[in-house]
Structure formats: C-alpha cells, structure tokens
Amino acid sequence: MNAASVSAIPFHRGDVVSFLYEKGEVLSRQDTPAGVRLEVALPAVWAARAAAFLEGVRRGSGS
C-alpha cells in the first residue's frame, strides 16, 4: 500500500472522504476549518486514480 497525506478535502466532498475510507486504510484524520485532512494508505491500483481525482477536487472540478 502507498501512504498519502491529503490536505483539506472540502467538507462538501463527502464522496471523496467515503472513497478513501472504502478503498484504503485511513491512518489519521483531522478536521480543519478548510475541510478534512486525511493520511491514507491506498493499494497501488487505487493510488493513481485517487491522486488524479484529488487534484480535480483541489482545482474545483472534482472530476
């Protein structure tokens, strides 16, 4: 599994948080004013897909 730290997933993106909980192992969680910060271990097969998806969330497109 690949570990990744994901900073400030906006609270309105519960779908992203659910995806990370479903596909990986959440190592830590911190709620911040900007959103949820997670440290997640994901299987390699999901890591690239998650990275692309999260980049879309950061840019506001949420592909």
PDB file of N, CA and C in Angstrom:
ATOM      1  N   MET A   1       0.837  -1.184   0.000  1.00  0.00           N
ATOM      2  CA  MET A   1       0.000   0.000   0.000  1.00  0.00           C
ATOM      3  C   MET A   1       0.879   1.243   0.000  1.00  0.00           C
ATOM      4  N   ASN A   2       0.381   2.264  -0.681  1.00  0.00           N
ATOM      5  CA  ASN A   2       1.059   3.558  -0.723  1.00  0.00           C
ATOM      6  C   ASN A   2       0.380   4.500   0.259  1.00  0.00           C
ATOM      7  N   ALA A   3       1.179   5.157   1.100  1.00  0.00           N
ATOM      8  CA  ALA A   3       0.612   6.122   2.047  1.00  0.00           C
ATOM      9  C   ALA A   3       0.612   7.499   1.406  1.00  0.00           C
ATOM     10  N   ALA A   4      -0.441   8.238   1.665  1.00  0.00           N
ATOM     11  CA  ALA A   4      -0.548   9.594   1.139  1.00  0.00           C
ATOM     12  C   ALA A   4      -1.217  10.478   2.170  1.00  0.00           C
ATOM     13  N   SER A   5      -0.767  11.699   2.239  1.00  0.00           N
ATOM     14  CA  SER A   5      -1.404  12.685   3.092  1.00  0.00           C
ATOM     15  C   SER A   5      -2.233  13.586   2.196  1.00  0.00           C
ATOM     16  N   VAL A   6      -3.484  13.724   2.523  1.00  0.00           N
ATOM     17  CA  VAL A   6      -4.402  14.516   1.714  1.00  0.00           C
ATOM     18  C   VAL A   6      -4.826  15.711   2.537  1.00  0.00           C
ATOM     19  N   SER A   7      -4.526  16.893   2.044  1.00  0.00           N
ATOM     20  CA  SER A   7      -4.830  18.078   2.830  1.00  0.00           C
ATOM     21  C   SER A   7      -6.148  18.704   2.420  1.00  0.00           C
ATOM     22  N   ALA A   8      -6.928  19.033   3.402  1.00  0.00           N
ATOM     23  CA  ALA A   8      -8.138  19.850   3.286  1.00  0.00           C
ATOM     24  C   ALA A   8      -9.070  19.446   2.155  1.00  0.00           C
ATOM     25  N   ILE A   9      -9.675  18.291   2.286  1.00  0.00           N
ATOM     26  CA  ILE A   9     -10.764  17.925   1.390  1.00  0.00           C
ATOM     27  C   ILE A   9     -11.972  18.728   1.882  1.00  0.00           C
ATOM     28  N   PRO A  10     -12.575  19.543   1.030  1.00  0.00           N
ATOM     29  CA  PRO A  10     -13.696  20.369   1.483  1.00  0.00           C
ATOM     30  C   PRO A  10     -14.806  19.513   2.099  1.00  0.00           C
ATOM     31  N   PHE A  11     -15.453  20.040   3.120  1.00  0.00           N
ATOM     32  CA  PHE A  11     -16.496  19.294   3.817  1.00  0.00           C
ATOM     33  C   PHE A  11     -17.621  18.848   2.893  1.00  0.00           C
ATOM     34  N   HIS A  12     -17.904  19.618   1.845  1.00  0.00           N
ATOM     35  CA  HIS A  12     -18.998  19.251   0.943  1.00  0.00           C
ATOM     36  C   HIS A  12     -18.633  18.093   0.012  1.00  0.00           C
ATOM     37  N   ARG A  13     -17.386  17.615   0.077  1.00  0.00           N
ATOM     38  CA  ARG A  13     -16.948  16.492  -0.764  1.00  0.00           C
ATOM     39  C   ARG A  13     -16.899  15.189   0.033  1.00  0.00           C
ATOM     40  N   GLY A  14     -18.019  14.857   0.650  1.00  0.00           N
ATOM     41  CA  GLY A  14     -18.117  13.609   1.397  1.00  0.00           C
ATOM     42  C   GLY A  14     -17.870  12.392   0.524  1.00  0.00           C
ATOM     43  N   ASP A  15     -18.153  12.521  -0.779  1.00  0.00           N
ATOM     44  CA  ASP A  15     -17.901  11.417  -1.698  1.00  0.00           C
ATOM     45  C   ASP A  15     -16.421  11.057  -1.746  1.00  0.00           C
ATOM     46  N   VAL A  16     -15.550  12.065  -1.669  1.00  0.00           N
ATOM     47  CA  VAL A  16     -14.107  11.824  -1.692  1.00  0.00           C
ATOM     48  C   VAL A  16     -13.676  11.121  -0.404  1.00  0.00           C
ATOM     49  N   VAL A  17     -14.169  11.625   0.720  1.00  0.00           N
ATOM     50  CA  VAL A  17     -13.837  11.017   2.009  1.00  0.00           C
ATOM     51  C   VAL A  17     -14.327   9.567   2.034  1.00  0.00           C
ATOM     52  N   SER A  18     -15.535   9.325   1.566  1.00  0.00           N
ATOM     53  CA  SER A  18     -16.081   7.968   1.517  1.00  0.00           C
ATOM     54  C   SER A  18     -15.223   7.059   0.647  1.00  0.00           C
ATOM     55  N   PHE A  19     -14.813   7.546  -0.524  1.00  0.00           N
ATOM     56  CA  PHE A  19     -13.956   6.773  -1.424  1.00  0.00           C
ATOM     57  C   PHE A  19     -12.670   6.358  -0.719  1.00  0.00           C
ATOM     58  N   LEU A  20     -12.035   7.302  -0.020  1.00  0.00           N
ATOM     59  CA  LEU A  20     -10.774   6.996   0.641  1.00  0.00           C
ATOM     60  C   LEU A  20     -10.954   6.001   1.784  1.00  0.00           C
ATOM     61  N   TYR A  21     -12.035   6.121   2.524  1.00  0.00           N
ATOM     62  CA  TYR A  21     -12.321   5.148   3.586  1.00  0.00           C
ATOM     63  C   TYR A  21     -12.616   3.766   3.003  1.00  0.00           C
ATOM     64  N   GLU A  22     -13.334   3.735   1.872  1.00  0.00           N
ATOM     65  CA  GLU A  22     -13.725   2.464   1.262  1.00  0.00           C
ATOM     66  C   GLU A  22     -12.544   1.739   0.627  1.00  0.00           C
ATOM     67  N   LYS A  23     -11.695   2.465  -0.087  1.00  0.00           N
ATOM     68  CA  LYS A  23     -10.626   1.841  -0.866  1.00  0.00           C
ATOM     69  C   LYS A  23      -9.301   1.719  -0.122  1.00  0.00           C
ATOM     70  N   GLY A  24      -9.136   2.469   0.951  1.00  0.00           N
ATOM     71  CA  GLY A  24      -7.858   2.451   1.654  1.00  0.00           C
ATOM     72  C   GLY A  24      -8.016   2.272   3.142  1.00  0.00           C
ATOM     73  N   GLU A  25      -6.927   2.486   3.835  1.00  0.00           N
ATOM     74  CA  GLU A  25      -6.910   2.445   5.290  1.00  0.00           C
ATOM     75  C   GLU A  25      -6.573   3.846   5.779  1.00  0.00           C
ATOM     76  N   VAL A  26      -7.506   4.478   6.461  1.00  0.00           N
ATOM     77  CA  VAL A  26      -7.279   5.826   6.973  1.00  0.00           C
ATOM     78  C   VAL A  26      -6.420   5.704   8.228  1.00  0.00           C
ATOM     79  N   LEU A  27      -5.230   6.310   8.161  1.00  0.00           N
ATOM     80  CA  LEU A  27      -4.273   6.239   9.258  1.00  0.00           C
ATOM     81  C   LEU A  27      -4.492   7.346  10.273  1.00  0.00           C
ATOM     82  N   SER A  28      -4.949   8.502   9.796  1.00  0.00           N
ATOM     83  CA  SER A  28      -5.262   9.603  10.702  1.00  0.00           C
ATOM     84  C   SER A  28      -6.270  10.525  10.022  1.00  0.00           C
ATOM     85  N   ARG A  29      -7.001  11.250  10.857  1.00  0.00           N
ATOM     86  CA  ARG A  29      -7.999  12.203  10.367  1.00  0.00           C
ATOM     87  C   ARG A  29      -7.973  13.431  11.266  1.00  0.00           C
ATOM     88  N   GLN A  30      -8.031  14.593  10.623  1.00  0.00           N
ATOM     89  CA  GLN A  30      -8.082  15.850  11.358  1.00  0.00           C
ATOM     90  C   GLN A  30      -9.053  16.774  10.643  1.00  0.00           C
ATOM     91  N   ASP A  31     -10.030  17.280  11.384  1.00  0.00           N
ATOM     92  CA  ASP A  31     -10.956  18.265  10.824  1.00  0.00           C
ATOM     93  C   ASP A  31     -10.335  19.647  11.005  1.00  0.00           C
ATOM     94  N   THR A  32     -10.291  20.419   9.932  1.00  0.00           N
ATOM     95  CA  THR A  32      -9.733  21.762   9.952  1.00  0.00           C
ATOM     96  C   THR A  32     -10.819  22.732   9.481  1.00  0.00           C
ATOM     97  N   PRO A  33     -10.616  24.021   9.637  1.00  0.00           N
ATOM     98  CA  PRO A  33     -11.611  24.980   9.138  1.00  0.00           C
ATOM     99  C   PRO A  33     -11.862  24.859   7.630  1.00  0.00           C
ATOM    100  N   ALA A  34     -10.842  24.418   6.878  1.00  0.00           N
ATOM    101  CA  ALA A  34     -10.963  24.318   5.423  1.00  0.00           C
ATOM    102  C   ALA A  34     -11.545  22.985   4.952  1.00  0.00           C
ATOM    103  N   GLY A  35     -11.557  21.976   5.820  1.00  0.00           N
ATOM    104  CA  GLY A  35     -12.042  20.662   5.422  1.00  0.00           C
ATOM    105  C   GLY A  35     -11.407  19.563   6.241  1.00  0.00           C
ATOM    106  N   VAL A  36     -11.393  18.369   5.676  1.00  0.00           N
ATOM    107  CA  VAL A  36     -10.866  17.188   6.365  1.00  0.00           C
ATOM    108  C   VAL A  36      -9.474  16.884   5.833  1.00  0.00           C
ATOM    109  N   ARG A  37      -8.538  16.676   6.749  1.00  0.00           N
ATOM    110  CA  ARG A  37      -7.181  16.264   6.378  1.00  0.00           C
ATOM    111  C   ARG A  37      -7.027  14.799   6.747  1.00  0.00           C
ATOM    112  N   LEU A  38      -6.662  13.967   5.771  1.00  0.00           N
ATOM    113  CA  LEU A  38      -6.517  12.538   5.983  1.00  0.00           C
ATOM    114  C   LEU A  38      -5.119  12.072   5.621  1.00  0.00           C
ATOM    115  N   GLU A  39      -4.658  11.078   6.338  1.00  0.00           N
ATOM    116  CA  GLU A  39      -3.486  10.315   5.920  1.00  0.00           C
ATOM    117  C   GLU A  39      -4.013   8.924   5.629  1.00  0.00           C
ATOM    118  N   VAL A  40      -3.821   8.468   4.385  1.00  0.00           N
ATOM    119  CA  VAL A  40      -4.452   7.244   3.914  1.00  0.00           C
ATOM    120  C   VAL A  40      -3.421   6.329   3.274  1.00  0.00           C
ATOM    121  N   ALA A  41      -3.537   5.030   3.546  1.00  0.00           N
ATOM    122  CA  ALA A  41      -2.755   4.016   2.833  1.00  0.00           C
ATOM    123  C   ALA A  41      -3.690   3.397   1.800  1.00  0.00           C
ATOM    124  N   LEU A  42      -3.308   3.527   0.533  1.00  0.00           N
ATOM    125  CA  LEU A  42      -4.128   3.003  -0.565  1.00  0.00           C
ATOM    126  C   LEU A  42      -3.364   1.930  -1.319  1.00  0.00           C
ATOM    127  N   PRO A  43      -4.048   0.879  -1.779  1.00  0.00           N
ATOM    128  CA  PRO A  43      -3.399  -0.083  -2.662  1.00  0.00           C
ATOM    129  C   PRO A  43      -2.925   0.637  -3.927  1.00  0.00           C
ATOM    130  N   ALA A  44      -1.841   0.169  -4.484  1.00  0.00           N
ATOM    131  CA  ALA A  44      -1.242   0.816  -5.657  1.00  0.00           C
ATOM    132  C   ALA A  44      -2.244   1.003  -6.787  1.00  0.00           C
ATOM    133  N   VAL A  45      -3.149   0.044  -6.965  1.00  0.00           N
ATOM    134  CA  VAL A  45      -4.122   0.127  -8.052  1.00  0.00           C
ATOM    135  C   VAL A  45      -5.031   1.355  -7.912  1.00  0.00           C
ATOM    136  N   TRP A  46      -5.287   1.810  -6.688  1.00  0.00           N
ATOM    137  CA  TRP A  46      -6.145   2.964  -6.461  1.00  0.00           C
ATOM    138  C   TRP A  46      -5.376   4.263  -6.294  1.00  0.00           C
ATOM    139  N   ALA A  47      -4.084   4.193  -6.018  1.00  0.00           N
ATOM    140  CA  ALA A  47      -3.306   5.396  -5.701  1.00  0.00           C
ATOM    141  C   ALA A  47      -3.316   6.417  -6.840  1.00  0.00           C
ATOM    142  N   ALA A  48      -3.063   5.982  -8.070  1.00  0.00           N
ATOM    143  CA  ALA A  48      -3.025   6.916  -9.204  1.00  0.00           C
ATOM    144  C   ALA A  48      -4.406   7.517  -9.467  1.00  0.00           C
ATOM    145  N   ARG A  49      -5.426   6.685  -9.394  1.00  0.00           N
ATOM    146  CA  ARG A  49      -6.790   7.183  -9.611  1.00  0.00           C
ATOM    147  C   ARG A  49      -7.167   8.211  -8.541  1.00  0.00           C
ATOM    148  N   ALA A  50      -6.825   7.907  -7.301  1.00  0.00           N
ATOM    149  CA  ALA A  50      -7.123   8.832  -6.203  1.00  0.00           C
ATOM    150  C   ALA A  50      -6.363  10.140  -6.380  1.00  0.00           C
ATOM    151  N   ALA A  51      -5.097  10.063  -6.785  1.00  0.00           N
ATOM    152  CA  ALA A  51      -4.292  11.271  -6.972  1.00  0.00           C
ATOM    153  C   ALA A  51      -4.913  12.169  -8.038  1.00  0.00           C
ATOM    154  N   ALA A  52      -5.334  11.599  -9.146  1.00  0.00           N
ATOM    155  CA  ALA A  52      -5.954  12.383 -10.217  1.00  0.00           C
ATOM    156  C   ALA A  52      -7.282  12.988  -9.747  1.00  0.00           C
ATOM    157  N   PHE A  53      -8.067  12.204  -9.052  1.00  0.00           N
ATOM    158  CA  PHE A  53      -9.354  12.673  -8.552  1.00  0.00           C
ATOM    159  C   PHE A  53      -9.168  13.806  -7.551  1.00  0.00           C
ATOM    160  N   LEU A  54      -8.217  13.635  -6.636  1.00  0.00           N
ATOM    161  CA  LEU A  54      -7.970  14.655  -5.618  1.00  0.00           C
ATOM    162  C   LEU A  54      -7.404  15.934  -6.217  1.00  0.00           C
ATOM    163  N   GLU A  55      -6.627  15.821  -7.276  1.00  0.00           N
ATOM    164  CA  GLU A  55      -6.137  17.025  -7.957  1.00  0.00           C
ATOM    165  C   GLU A  55      -7.318  17.793  -8.536  1.00  0.00           C
ATOM    166  N   GLY A  56      -8.299  17.081  -9.072  1.00  0.00           N
ATOM    167  CA  GLY A  56      -9.512  17.733  -9.570  1.00  0.00           C
ATOM    168  C   GLY A  56     -10.278  18.420  -8.462  1.00  0.00           C
ATOM    169  N   VAL A  57     -10.330  17.799  -7.289  1.00  0.00           N
ATOM    170  CA  VAL A  57     -11.007  18.418  -6.145  1.00  0.00           C
ATOM    171  C   VAL A  57     -10.281  19.699  -5.734  1.00  0.00           C
ATOM    172  N   ARG A  58      -8.952  19.653  -5.692  1.00  0.00           N
ATOM    173  CA  ARG A  58      -8.165  20.838  -5.331  1.00  0.00           C
ATOM    174  C   ARG A  58      -8.406  21.988  -6.312  1.00  0.00           C
ATOM    175  N   ARG A  59      -8.573  21.636  -7.594  1.00  0.00           N
ATOM    176  CA  ARG A  59      -8.783  22.669  -8.620  1.00  0.00           C
ATOM    177  C   ARG A  59     -10.244  23.097  -8.705  1.00  0.00           C
ATOM    178  N   GLY A  60     -11.109  22.352  -8.047  1.00  0.00           N
ATOM    179  CA  GLY A  60     -12.520  22.708  -8.044  1.00  0.00           C
ATOM    180  C   GLY A  60     -13.355  21.981  -9.070  1.00  0.00           C
ATOM    181  N   SER A  61     -12.738  21.125  -9.877  1.00  0.00           N
ATOM    182  CA  SER A  61     -13.515  20.427 -10.893  1.00  0.00           C
ATOM    183  C   SER A  61     -14.103  19.135 -10.370  1.00  0.00           C
ATOM    184  N   GLY A  62     -13.410  18.494  -9.435  1.00  0.00           N
ATOM    185  CA  GLY A  62     -13.912  17.265  -8.828  1.00  0.00           C
ATOM    186  C   GLY A  62     -14.209  16.164  -9.808  1.00  0.00           C
ATOM    187  N   SER A  63     -13.405  16.054 -10.881  1.00  0.00           N
ATOM    188  CA  SER A  63     -13.616  15.073 -11.926  1.00  0.00           C
ATOM    189  C   SER A  63     -14.079  13.799 -11.389  1.00  0.00           C
TER     190      SER A  63
END
